[in-house]
Amino acid sequence: TSAKSMDGHVTGAWSEEIAGPYYVFKDAGYVVKVCSIAGGDIPIDAGSLTKDFKTENDTRFEKEDIALLKGTEQLKNLDVTAYDIVFFAGGHGTCV
């Protein structure tokens, strides 16, 4: 998602919905490009990083790859035919 809030509620991407698939692809040897619908920084929903929801993938992403969420390119500016797959992380957030 590129949305920092929806209907007045602070939100963002659910961390595991990015980190989990990211490491499935990366650890399998794929080169992964992170982009977003609006471009710019991808906000993370703070609730996804609470003790009840935070995963090993989230912790790893925070340590190794969090910078990938800063200054992302807009999907519409990429040549998607140059990629093997375009994967949208998340639920409602993939639309904004």
N, C-alpha and C. Protein backbone atom coordinates (compact mmCIF):
# COMPACT_ATOMS: atom_id res chain seq x y z
N THR A 1 0.84 -1.19 0.00
CA THR A 1 0.00 0.00 0.00
C THR A 1 0.87 1.24 0.00
N SER A 2 0.32 2.29 -0.50
CA SER A 2 0.96 3.59 -0.41
C SER A 2 0.20 4.47 0.57
N ALA A 3 -0.88 3.92 1.14
CA ALA A 3 -1.74 4.68 2.04
C ALA A 3 -1.21 4.66 3.47
N LYS A 4 -1.10 5.84 4.05
CA LYS A 4 -0.71 5.94 5.46
C LYS A 4 -1.93 5.94 6.36
N SER A 5 -3.10 6.22 5.77
CA SER A 5 -4.33 6.16 6.54
C SER A 5 -5.48 5.84 5.59
N MET A 6 -6.52 5.22 6.16
CA MET A 6 -7.73 4.90 5.41
C MET A 6 -8.91 5.18 6.33
N ASP A 7 -9.83 5.97 5.85
CA ASP A 7 -11.01 6.33 6.64
C ASP A 7 -10.63 6.89 8.00
N GLY A 8 -9.54 7.66 8.06
CA GLY A 8 -9.12 8.29 9.31
C GLY A 8 -8.32 7.42 10.24
N HIS A 9 -8.04 6.17 9.85
CA HIS A 9 -7.27 5.25 10.68
C HIS A 9 -5.85 5.13 10.13
N VAL A 10 -4.87 5.24 11.01
CA VAL A 10 -3.48 5.06 10.60
C VAL A 10 -3.31 3.62 10.15
N THR A 11 -2.65 3.43 9.02
CA THR A 11 -2.50 2.09 8.46
C THR A 11 -1.19 2.00 7.70
N GLY A 12 -1.06 1.02 6.91
CA GLY A 12 0.11 0.77 6.08
C GLY A 12 0.07 -0.67 5.65
N ALA A 13 1.11 -1.10 4.97
CA ALA A 13 1.19 -2.50 4.57
C ALA A 13 1.40 -3.38 5.79
N TRP A 14 0.83 -4.56 5.77
CA TRP A 14 1.05 -5.53 6.84
C TRP A 14 2.42 -6.13 6.58
N SER A 15 3.33 -5.99 7.51
CA SER A 15 4.73 -6.32 7.29
C SER A 15 4.95 -7.74 6.75
N GLU A 16 4.34 -8.74 7.35
CA GLU A 16 4.53 -10.12 6.91
C GLU A 16 4.06 -10.34 5.47
N GLU A 17 3.08 -9.55 5.02
CA GLU A 17 2.59 -9.70 3.65
C GLU A 17 3.61 -9.22 2.63
N ILE A 18 4.58 -8.44 3.08
CA ILE A 18 5.71 -8.05 2.22
C ILE A 18 6.89 -8.98 2.50
N ALA A 19 7.27 -9.08 3.77
CA ALA A 19 8.49 -9.80 4.14
C ALA A 19 8.42 -11.30 3.81
N GLY A 20 7.29 -11.94 4.07
CA GLY A 20 7.17 -13.37 3.82
C GLY A 20 7.42 -13.74 2.36
N PRO A 21 6.62 -13.20 1.43
CA PRO A 21 6.86 -13.51 0.02
C PRO A 21 8.22 -13.02 -0.48
N TYR A 22 8.66 -11.87 0.03
CA TYR A 22 9.97 -11.35 -0.38
C TYR A 22 11.06 -12.40 -0.15
N TYR A 23 11.07 -13.01 1.03
CA TYR A 23 12.10 -14.00 1.33
C TYR A 23 11.87 -15.34 0.63
N VAL A 24 10.63 -15.68 0.33
CA VAL A 24 10.39 -16.89 -0.48
C VAL A 24 11.07 -16.71 -1.83
N PHE A 25 10.87 -15.56 -2.46
CA PHE A 25 11.47 -15.32 -3.78
C PHE A 25 12.98 -15.12 -3.68
N LYS A 26 13.41 -14.27 -2.76
CA LYS A 26 14.84 -13.96 -2.63
C LYS A 26 15.65 -15.21 -2.27
N ASP A 27 15.18 -15.97 -1.31
CA ASP A 27 15.91 -17.16 -0.86
C ASP A 27 15.91 -18.26 -1.93
N ALA A 28 14.99 -18.18 -2.88
CA ALA A 28 14.96 -19.13 -3.98
C ALA A 28 15.89 -18.69 -5.12
N GLY A 29 16.54 -17.53 -4.94
CA GLY A 29 17.51 -17.07 -5.92
C GLY A 29 17.01 -16.03 -6.91
N TYR A 30 15.78 -15.58 -6.74
CA TYR A 30 15.25 -14.56 -7.64
C TYR A 30 15.73 -13.17 -7.24
N VAL A 31 15.88 -12.31 -8.23
CA VAL A 31 16.15 -10.89 -7.98
C VAL A 31 14.78 -10.24 -7.77
N VAL A 32 14.61 -9.55 -6.67
CA VAL A 32 13.32 -8.97 -6.31
C VAL A 32 13.39 -7.45 -6.38
N LYS A 33 12.46 -6.85 -7.09
CA LYS A 33 12.34 -5.39 -7.21
C LYS A 33 11.10 -4.98 -6.43
N VAL A 34 11.26 -4.08 -5.47
CA VAL A 34 10.12 -3.59 -4.69
C VAL A 34 9.68 -2.25 -5.28
N CYS A 35 8.40 -2.16 -5.61
CA CYS A 35 7.83 -0.91 -6.10
C CYS A 35 6.47 -0.75 -5.42
N SER A 36 5.76 0.31 -5.75
CA SER A 36 4.44 0.52 -5.16
C SER A 36 3.54 1.24 -6.15
N ILE A 37 2.26 1.25 -5.86
CA ILE A 37 1.29 1.88 -6.74
C ILE A 37 1.58 3.38 -6.88
N ALA A 38 1.80 4.08 -5.77
CA ALA A 38 2.00 5.53 -5.80
C ALA A 38 3.47 5.94 -5.87
N GLY A 39 4.39 4.99 -5.64
CA GLY A 39 5.81 5.35 -5.56
C GLY A 39 6.09 5.97 -4.21
N GLY A 40 7.35 6.21 -3.92
CA GLY A 40 7.73 6.81 -2.64
C GLY A 40 7.87 5.76 -1.56
N ASP A 41 7.73 6.20 -0.32
CA ASP A 41 7.89 5.31 0.83
C ASP A 41 6.66 4.45 1.04
N ILE A 42 6.88 3.19 1.40
CA ILE A 42 5.79 2.28 1.72
C ILE A 42 5.65 2.24 3.24
N PRO A 43 4.52 2.74 3.77
CA PRO A 43 4.33 2.71 5.22
C PRO A 43 3.99 1.30 5.69
N ILE A 44 4.43 0.98 6.90
CA ILE A 44 4.12 -0.32 7.51
C ILE A 44 3.12 -0.10 8.64
N ASP A 45 2.09 -0.91 8.67
CA ASP A 45 1.10 -0.86 9.74
C ASP A 45 1.78 -1.27 11.04
N ALA A 46 1.82 -0.37 12.00
CA ALA A 46 2.48 -0.64 13.28
C ALA A 46 1.92 -1.87 13.98
N GLY A 47 0.64 -2.14 13.77
CA GLY A 47 0.02 -3.31 14.40
C GLY A 47 0.64 -4.62 13.95
N SER A 48 1.18 -4.63 12.74
CA SER A 48 1.78 -5.86 12.22
C SER A 48 3.12 -6.18 12.86
N LEU A 49 3.66 -5.22 13.61
CA LEU A 49 4.95 -5.42 14.25
C LEU A 49 4.85 -5.56 15.77
N THR A 50 3.62 -5.74 16.24
CA THR A 50 3.45 -5.97 17.68
C THR A 50 3.82 -7.41 18.01
N LYS A 51 4.02 -7.69 19.28
CA LYS A 51 4.47 -9.03 19.69
C LYS A 51 3.52 -10.14 19.27
N ASP A 52 2.24 -9.82 19.11
CA ASP A 52 1.28 -10.85 18.72
C ASP A 52 1.35 -11.21 17.24
N PHE A 53 1.92 -10.34 16.42
CA PHE A 53 1.90 -10.56 14.98
C PHE A 53 3.27 -10.60 14.32
N LYS A 54 4.28 -10.03 14.94
CA LYS A 54 5.61 -9.93 14.32
C LYS A 54 6.21 -11.32 14.10
N THR A 55 6.71 -11.54 12.90
CA THR A 55 7.27 -12.84 12.53
C THR A 55 8.80 -12.76 12.40
N GLU A 56 9.41 -13.93 12.22
CA GLU A 56 10.85 -13.97 11.96
C GLU A 56 11.18 -13.23 10.67
N ASN A 57 10.31 -13.34 9.68
CA ASN A 57 10.52 -12.61 8.42
C ASN A 57 10.52 -11.10 8.65
N ASP A 58 9.61 -10.62 9.50
CA ASP A 58 9.55 -9.19 9.81
C ASP A 58 10.85 -8.72 10.44
N THR A 59 11.34 -9.49 11.41
CA THR A 59 12.58 -9.14 12.09
C THR A 59 13.74 -9.13 11.11
N ARG A 60 13.82 -10.14 10.28
CA ARG A 60 14.88 -10.20 9.27
C ARG A 60 14.80 -9.01 8.32
N PHE A 61 13.59 -8.68 7.87
CA PHE A 61 13.40 -7.57 6.93
C PHE A 61 13.85 -6.26 7.56
N GLU A 62 13.49 -6.06 8.83
CA GLU A 62 13.91 -4.84 9.53
C GLU A 62 15.44 -4.73 9.58
N LYS A 63 16.11 -5.84 9.76
CA LYS A 63 17.57 -5.84 9.89
C LYS A 63 18.28 -5.75 8.54
N GLU A 64 17.72 -6.41 7.52
CA GLU A 64 18.46 -6.57 6.26
C GLU A 64 17.95 -5.73 5.09
N ASP A 65 16.65 -5.49 5.02
CA ASP A 65 16.10 -4.97 3.76
C ASP A 65 15.10 -3.83 3.89
N ILE A 66 14.96 -3.24 5.06
CA ILE A 66 13.95 -2.20 5.28
C ILE A 66 14.12 -1.02 4.32
N ALA A 67 15.35 -0.74 3.90
CA ALA A 67 15.60 0.38 2.99
C ALA A 67 14.88 0.23 1.66
N LEU A 68 14.50 -1.00 1.30
CA LEU A 68 13.79 -1.23 0.05
C LEU A 68 12.42 -0.56 0.02
N LEU A 69 11.89 -0.22 1.19
CA LEU A 69 10.57 0.42 1.27
C LEU A 69 10.64 1.93 1.15
N LYS A 70 11.81 2.48 1.00
CA LYS A 70 12.00 3.93 0.89
C LYS A 70 12.20 4.33 -0.57
N GLY A 71 11.47 5.34 -0.99
CA GLY A 71 11.66 5.88 -2.33
C GLY A 71 11.40 4.90 -3.46
N THR A 72 10.36 4.09 -3.32
CA THR A 72 10.08 3.09 -4.35
C THR A 72 9.60 3.74 -5.65
N GLU A 73 9.84 3.04 -6.75
CA GLU A 73 9.32 3.48 -8.04
C GLU A 73 7.84 3.15 -8.13
N GLN A 74 7.13 3.91 -8.98
CA GLN A 74 5.73 3.59 -9.24
C GLN A 74 5.67 2.42 -10.21
N LEU A 75 4.79 1.50 -9.94
CA LEU A 75 4.61 0.34 -10.80
C LEU A 75 4.35 0.76 -12.24
N LYS A 76 3.56 1.78 -12.44
CA LYS A 76 3.20 2.20 -13.80
C LYS A 76 4.40 2.67 -14.61
N ASN A 77 5.50 2.98 -13.95
CA ASN A 77 6.70 3.44 -14.66
C ASN A 77 7.66 2.30 -15.00
N LEU A 78 7.33 1.09 -14.61
CA LEU A 78 8.19 -0.06 -14.89
C LEU A 78 7.69 -0.82 -16.11
N ASP A 79 8.60 -1.42 -16.86
CA ASP A 79 8.25 -2.30 -17.96
C ASP A 79 8.01 -3.69 -17.37
N VAL A 80 6.75 -3.99 -17.08
CA VAL A 80 6.44 -5.25 -16.41
C VAL A 80 6.76 -6.47 -17.27
N THR A 81 6.93 -6.28 -18.58
CA THR A 81 7.29 -7.41 -19.43
C THR A 81 8.74 -7.85 -19.20
N ALA A 82 9.51 -7.04 -18.49
CA ALA A 82 10.90 -7.39 -18.19
C ALA A 82 11.01 -8.28 -16.95
N TYR A 83 9.88 -8.59 -16.33
CA TYR A 83 9.87 -9.38 -15.10
C TYR A 83 9.14 -10.69 -15.33
N ASP A 84 9.53 -11.70 -14.57
CA ASP A 84 8.87 -13.01 -14.65
C ASP A 84 7.53 -13.01 -13.93
N ILE A 85 7.41 -12.19 -12.90
CA ILE A 85 6.18 -12.14 -12.10
C ILE A 85 6.03 -10.74 -11.51
N VAL A 86 4.78 -10.32 -11.39
CA VAL A 86 4.44 -9.12 -10.62
C VAL A 86 3.56 -9.61 -9.49
N PHE A 87 4.04 -9.44 -8.27
CA PHE A 87 3.35 -9.94 -7.09
C PHE A 87 2.87 -8.75 -6.26
N PHE A 88 1.59 -8.71 -5.94
CA PHE A 88 1.03 -7.66 -5.11
C PHE A 88 0.90 -8.18 -3.68
N ALA A 89 1.62 -7.58 -2.77
CA ALA A 89 1.53 -7.97 -1.35
C ALA A 89 0.34 -7.27 -0.72
N GLY A 90 -0.40 -8.02 0.07
CA GLY A 90 -1.45 -7.40 0.86
C GLY A 90 -2.84 -7.61 0.31
N GLY A 91 -3.79 -7.03 1.03
CA GLY A 91 -5.20 -7.12 0.69
C GLY A 91 -5.68 -5.81 0.09
N HIS A 92 -6.48 -5.05 0.87
CA HIS A 92 -7.04 -3.80 0.37
C HIS A 92 -5.96 -2.79 0.00
N GLY A 93 -4.81 -2.88 0.61
CA GLY A 93 -3.74 -1.92 0.38
C GLY A 93 -3.15 -1.95 -1.02
N THR A 94 -3.33 -3.04 -1.73
CA THR A 94 -2.76 -3.11 -3.09
C THR A 94 -3.49 -2.19 -4.05
N CYS A 95 -4.63 -1.67 -3.62
CA CYS A 95 -5.42 -0.81 -4.50
C CYS A 95 -5.10 0.66 -4.37
N VAL A 96 -4.36 1.05 -3.35
CA VAL A 96 -4.09 2.48 -3.13
C VAL A 96 -2.61 2.76 -2.99
